[in-house]
Amino acid sequence: MSVRYRVTPRIKIARPKPRPPRPQKKVFTVSTKMTSRELVVKTLQKLYNIEINSTNEDFEVKVDNYRLEFEMSKDGCYDIQYSSFNWSKTVDEMAKEIESEYRGMLQDYIYNAVKAKAEEKGLALEQETVQKNQAIVLTFNLNG
């Protein structure tokens, strides 16, 4: 008597465990009151020694480990956008620092423009006063 056995190997193929979904980066926006591309670029150069080669109205720069995109919004002011997993206090503080420096540069630009225009018109600067809130009051003599 002969006995036959049929042997079939049982192979279990392990299914890979599902990976948790990767967190997606989100785009965060910081609104500003900055309107002049030229002054924004000068501000970034002064604060972070960054060269900006783009001639477009919208541009991006890298500051520290962040890629900041400066995009003109519908209201005519620049928004600063960045991608991250979470809102960044560092970028928010950078934006405030940039905007603060921008305001100082804007005041300086307007100050020089007003003085130059007054000289063109033949007006003599009589008095210059800096107030507590850093406002500058220029008094011109109409008679030269």
C-alpha atoms as a PDB file:
ATOM      1  CA  MET A   1       0.000   0.000   0.000  1.00  0.00           C
ATOM      2  CA  SER A   2       1.311   3.351  -0.917  1.00  0.00           C
ATOM      3  CA  VAL A   3       0.156   6.650   0.475  1.00  0.00           C
ATOM      4  CA  ARG A   4       0.395   9.865  -1.291  1.00  0.00           C
ATOM      5  CA  TYR A   5       0.466  13.182   0.419  1.00  0.00           C
ATOM      6  CA  ARG A   6       0.052  16.357  -1.356  1.00  0.00           C
ATOM      7  CA  VAL A   7       2.165  19.033   0.252  1.00  0.00           C
ATOM      8  CA  THR A   8       1.413  22.630  -0.581  1.00  0.00           C
ATOM      9  CA  PRO A   9       3.368  25.298   1.149  1.00  0.00           C
ATOM     10  CA  ARG A  10       1.336  27.913   2.892  1.00  0.00           C
ATOM     11  CA  ILE A  11       2.870  31.262   2.280  1.00  0.00           C
ATOM     12  CA  LYS A  12       1.348  34.246   3.909  1.00  0.00           C
ATOM     13  CA  ILE A  13       2.129  37.519   2.323  1.00  0.00           C
ATOM     14  CA  ALA A  14       1.990  40.199   4.887  1.00  0.00           C
ATOM     15  CA  ARG A  15       0.166  43.252   3.757  1.00  0.00           C
ATOM     16  CA  PRO A  16       2.003  46.446   4.484  1.00  0.00           C
ATOM     17  CA  LYS A  17       0.645  48.380   7.380  1.00  0.00           C
ATOM     18  CA  PRO A  18      -0.993  51.550   6.190  1.00  0.00           C
ATOM     19  CA  ARG A  19       1.152  54.570   6.866  1.00  0.00           C
ATOM     20  CA  PRO A  20      -0.427  57.527   8.511  1.00  0.00           C
ATOM     21  CA  PRO A  21      -0.979  60.323   6.005  1.00  0.00           C
ATOM     22  CA  ARG A  22       1.843  62.814   5.789  1.00  0.00           C
ATOM     23  CA  PRO A  23       0.933  66.182   7.121  1.00  0.00           C
ATOM     24  CA  GLN A  24       0.498  68.671   4.310  1.00  0.00           C
ATOM     25  CA  LYS A  25       2.093  72.068   4.356  1.00  0.00           C
ATOM     26  CA  LYS A  26      -0.302  74.971   4.461  1.00  0.00           C
ATOM     27  CA  VAL A  27       0.112  78.433   2.999  1.00  0.00           C
ATOM     28  CA  PHE A  28      -0.005  81.203   5.560  1.00  0.00           C
ATOM     29  CA  THR A  29      -0.428  84.872   4.711  1.00  0.00           C
ATOM     30  CA  VAL A  30       0.670  87.951   6.641  1.00  0.00           C
ATOM     31  CA  SER A  31      -0.974  91.136   5.366  1.00  0.00           C
ATOM     32  CA  THR A  32       1.005  94.368   5.378  1.00  0.00           C
ATOM     33  CA  LYS A  33       0.504  98.024   4.488  1.00  0.00           C
ATOM     34  CA  MET A  34       3.568  98.111   2.216  1.00  0.00           C
ATOM     35  CA  THR A  35       2.800  99.370  -1.293  1.00  0.00           C
ATOM     36  CA  SER A  36       6.119 100.318  -2.930  1.00  0.00           C
ATOM     37  CA  ARG A  37       8.094  97.439  -4.444  1.00  0.00           C
ATOM     38  CA  GLU A  38      11.222  99.599  -4.583  1.00  0.00           C
ATOM     39  CA  LEU A  39      11.087 100.381  -0.856  1.00  0.00           C
ATOM     40  CA  VAL A  40      10.263  96.774   0.079  1.00  0.00           C
ATOM     41  CA  VAL A  41      13.333  95.602  -1.852  1.00  0.00           C
ATOM     42  CA  LYS A  42      15.536  98.267  -0.216  1.00  0.00           C
ATOM     43  CA  THR A  43      14.180  97.283   3.194  1.00  0.00           C
ATOM     44  CA  LEU A  44      14.993  93.598   2.617  1.00  0.00           C
ATOM     45  CA  GLN A  45      18.472  94.517   1.400  1.00  0.00           C
ATOM     46  CA  LYS A  46      19.076  96.651   4.475  1.00  0.00           C
ATOM     47  CA  LEU A  47      17.740  94.139   7.011  1.00  0.00           C
ATOM     48  CA  TYR A  48      18.903  90.835   5.533  1.00  0.00           C
ATOM     49  CA  ASN A  49      21.489  91.784   2.878  1.00  0.00           C
ATOM     50  CA  ILE A  50      19.401  90.039   0.204  1.00  0.00           C
ATOM     51  CA  GLU A  51      19.769  90.650  -3.512  1.00  0.00           C
ATOM     52  CA  ILE A  52      16.513  90.465  -5.467  1.00  0.00           C
ATOM     53  CA  ASN A  53      17.004  89.930  -9.169  1.00  0.00           C
ATOM     54  CA  SER A  54      13.368  89.644 -10.186  1.00  0.00           C
ATOM     55  CA  THR A  55      11.785  92.617 -11.896  1.00  0.00           C
ATOM     56  CA  ASN A  56       8.256  91.291 -11.394  1.00  0.00           C
ATOM     57  CA  GLU A  57       5.837  92.994  -9.058  1.00  0.00           C
ATOM     58  CA  ASP A  58       5.612  89.747  -7.071  1.00  0.00           C
ATOM     59  CA  PHE A  59       8.855  88.163  -5.904  1.00  0.00           C
ATOM     60  CA  GLU A  60      10.233  85.703  -3.386  1.00  0.00           C
ATOM     61  CA  VAL A  61      13.225  85.705  -1.077  1.00  0.00           C
ATOM     62  CA  LYS A  62      14.832  83.283   1.326  1.00  0.00           C
ATOM     63  CA  VAL A  63      15.330  84.579   4.845  1.00  0.00           C
ATOM     64  CA  ASP A  64      16.848  82.169   7.347  1.00  0.00           C
ATOM     65  CA  ASN A  65      15.065  78.881   6.603  1.00  0.00           C
ATOM     66  CA  TYR A  66      11.910  80.458   5.211  1.00  0.00           C
ATOM     67  CA  ARG A  67      10.929  81.129   1.615  1.00  0.00           C
ATOM     68  CA  LEU A  68       8.858  84.299   1.728  1.00  0.00           C
ATOM     69  CA  GLU A  69       6.713  85.283  -1.223  1.00  0.00           C
ATOM     70  CA  PHE A  70       5.801  88.938  -1.561  1.00  0.00           C
ATOM     71  CA  GLU A  71       2.585  89.147  -3.532  1.00  0.00           C
ATOM     72  CA  MET A  72       0.593  92.263  -4.359  1.00  0.00           C
ATOM     73  CA  SER A  73      -2.943  91.917  -3.030  1.00  0.00           C
ATOM     74  CA  LYS A  74      -6.119  93.371  -4.519  1.00  0.00           C
ATOM     75  CA  ASP A  75      -5.977  96.337  -2.136  1.00  0.00           C
ATOM     76  CA  GLY A  76      -2.553  97.371  -3.483  1.00  0.00           C
ATOM     77  CA  CYS A  77      -0.499  96.225  -0.481  1.00  0.00           C
ATOM     78  CA  TYR A  78       1.998  93.390  -0.303  1.00  0.00           C
ATOM     79  CA  ASP A  79       1.064  90.145   1.422  1.00  0.00           C
ATOM     80  CA  ILE A  80       3.857  87.932   2.716  1.00  0.00           C
ATOM     81  CA  GLN A  81       3.128  84.252   2.108  1.00  0.00           C
ATOM     82  CA  TYR A  82       5.016  81.206   3.323  1.00  0.00           C
ATOM     83  CA  SER A  83       4.449  77.443   3.387  1.00  0.00           C
ATOM     84  CA  SER A  84       4.741  75.548   6.638  1.00  0.00           C
ATOM     85  CA  PHE A  85       3.105  72.820   8.646  1.00  0.00           C
ATOM     86  CA  ASN A  86       2.170  75.340  11.332  1.00  0.00           C
ATOM     87  CA  TRP A  87       1.838  79.087  11.744  1.00  0.00           C
ATOM     88  CA  SER A  88       5.275  80.543  12.507  1.00  0.00           C
ATOM     89  CA  LYS A  89       5.749  83.173  15.171  1.00  0.00           C
ATOM     90  CA  THR A  90       9.230  83.805  13.728  1.00  0.00           C
ATOM     91  CA  VAL A  91       7.840  84.750  10.309  1.00  0.00           C
ATOM     92  CA  ASP A  92       5.169  86.907  11.935  1.00  0.00           C
ATOM     93  CA  GLU A  93       7.876  88.794  13.866  1.00  0.00           C
ATOM     94  CA  MET A  94      10.003  89.088  10.702  1.00  0.00           C
ATOM     95  CA  ALA A  95       7.019  90.600   8.872  1.00  0.00           C
ATOM     96  CA  LYS A  96       6.532  93.151  11.661  1.00  0.00           C
ATOM     97  CA  GLU A  97      10.229  94.023  11.577  1.00  0.00           C
ATOM     98  CA  ILE A  98      10.162  94.408   7.777  1.00  0.00           C
ATOM     99  CA  GLU A  99       7.068  96.594   7.911  1.00  0.00           C
ATOM    100  CA  SER A 100       8.501  98.763  10.689  1.00  0.00           C
ATOM    101  CA  GLU A 101      11.741  99.345   8.774  1.00  0.00           C
ATOM    102  CA  TYR A 102       9.698  99.990   5.607  1.00  0.00           C
ATOM    103  CA  ARG A 103       7.745 102.750   7.393  1.00  0.00           C
ATOM    104  CA  GLY A 104      11.019 104.421   8.410  1.00  0.00           C
ATOM    105  CA  MET A 105      12.362 104.221   4.862  1.00  0.00           C
ATOM    106  CA  LEU A 106       9.063 105.555   3.490  1.00  0.00           C
ATOM    107  CA  GLN A 107       9.187 108.506   5.878  1.00  0.00           C
ATOM    108  CA  ASP A 108      12.777 109.215   4.810  1.00  0.00           C
ATOM    109  CA  TYR A 109      11.806 108.992   1.131  1.00  0.00           C
ATOM    110  CA  ILE A 110       8.871 111.401   1.570  1.00  0.00           C
ATOM    111  CA  TYR A 111      10.975 113.757   3.680  1.00  0.00           C
ATOM    112  CA  ASN A 112      13.648 114.013   0.960  1.00  0.00           C
ATOM    113  CA  ALA A 113      11.048 114.323  -1.816  1.00  0.00           C
ATOM    114  CA  VAL A 114       9.237 117.191  -0.040  1.00  0.00           C
ATOM    115  CA  LYS A 115      12.489 119.057   0.630  1.00  0.00           C
ATOM    116  CA  ALA A 116      13.622 118.647  -2.994  1.00  0.00           C
ATOM    117  CA  LYS A 117      10.243 119.807  -4.350  1.00  0.00           C
ATOM    118  CA  ALA A 118      10.271 122.826  -2.026  1.00  0.00           C
ATOM    119  CA  GLU A 119      13.754 123.791  -3.209  1.00  0.00           C
ATOM    120  CA  GLU A 120      12.567 123.498  -6.843  1.00  0.00           C
ATOM    121  CA  LYS A 121       9.760 125.944  -6.049  1.00  0.00           C
ATOM    122  CA  GLY A 122      12.182 128.357  -4.370  1.00  0.00           C
ATOM    123  CA  LEU A 123      10.965 127.789  -0.822  1.00  0.00           C
ATOM    124  CA  ALA A 124      13.450 128.107   2.044  1.00  0.00           C
ATOM    125  CA  LEU A 125      13.308 125.673   4.955  1.00  0.00           C
ATOM    126  CA  GLU A 126      12.658 127.748   8.038  1.00  0.00           C
ATOM    127  CA  GLN A 127      12.175 125.124  10.718  1.00  0.00           C
ATOM    128  CA  GLU A 128      12.255 121.348  11.096  1.00  0.00           C
ATOM    129  CA  THR A 129      10.734 119.712  14.180  1.00  0.00           C
ATOM    130  CA  VAL A 130      10.640 116.027  15.118  1.00  0.00           C
ATOM    131  CA  GLN A 131       7.655 115.244  17.331  1.00  0.00           C
ATOM    132  CA  LYS A 132       7.345 112.534  20.009  1.00  0.00           C
ATOM    133  CA  ASN A 133       5.639 110.132  17.583  1.00  0.00           C
ATOM    134  CA  GLN A 134       8.588 110.581  15.175  1.00  0.00           C
ATOM    135  CA  ALA A 135       6.522 112.762  12.827  1.00  0.00           C
ATOM    136  CA  ILE A 136       8.547 115.506  11.160  1.00  0.00           C
ATOM    137  CA  VAL A 137       7.072 118.981  10.739  1.00  0.00           C
ATOM    138  CA  LEU A 138       8.709 121.133   8.062  1.00  0.00           C
ATOM    139  CA  THR A 139       8.036 124.868   7.967  1.00  0.00           C
ATOM    140  CA  PHE A 140       8.949 126.721   4.777  1.00  0.00           C
ATOM    141  CA  ASN A 141       9.314 130.430   4.208  1.00  0.00           C
ATOM    142  CA  LEU A 142       7.337 131.542   1.159  1.00  0.00           C
ATOM    143  CA  ASN A 143       9.448 134.664   0.639  1.00  0.00           C
ATOM    144  CA  GLY A 144      12.731 132.759   0.304  1.00  0.00           C
END
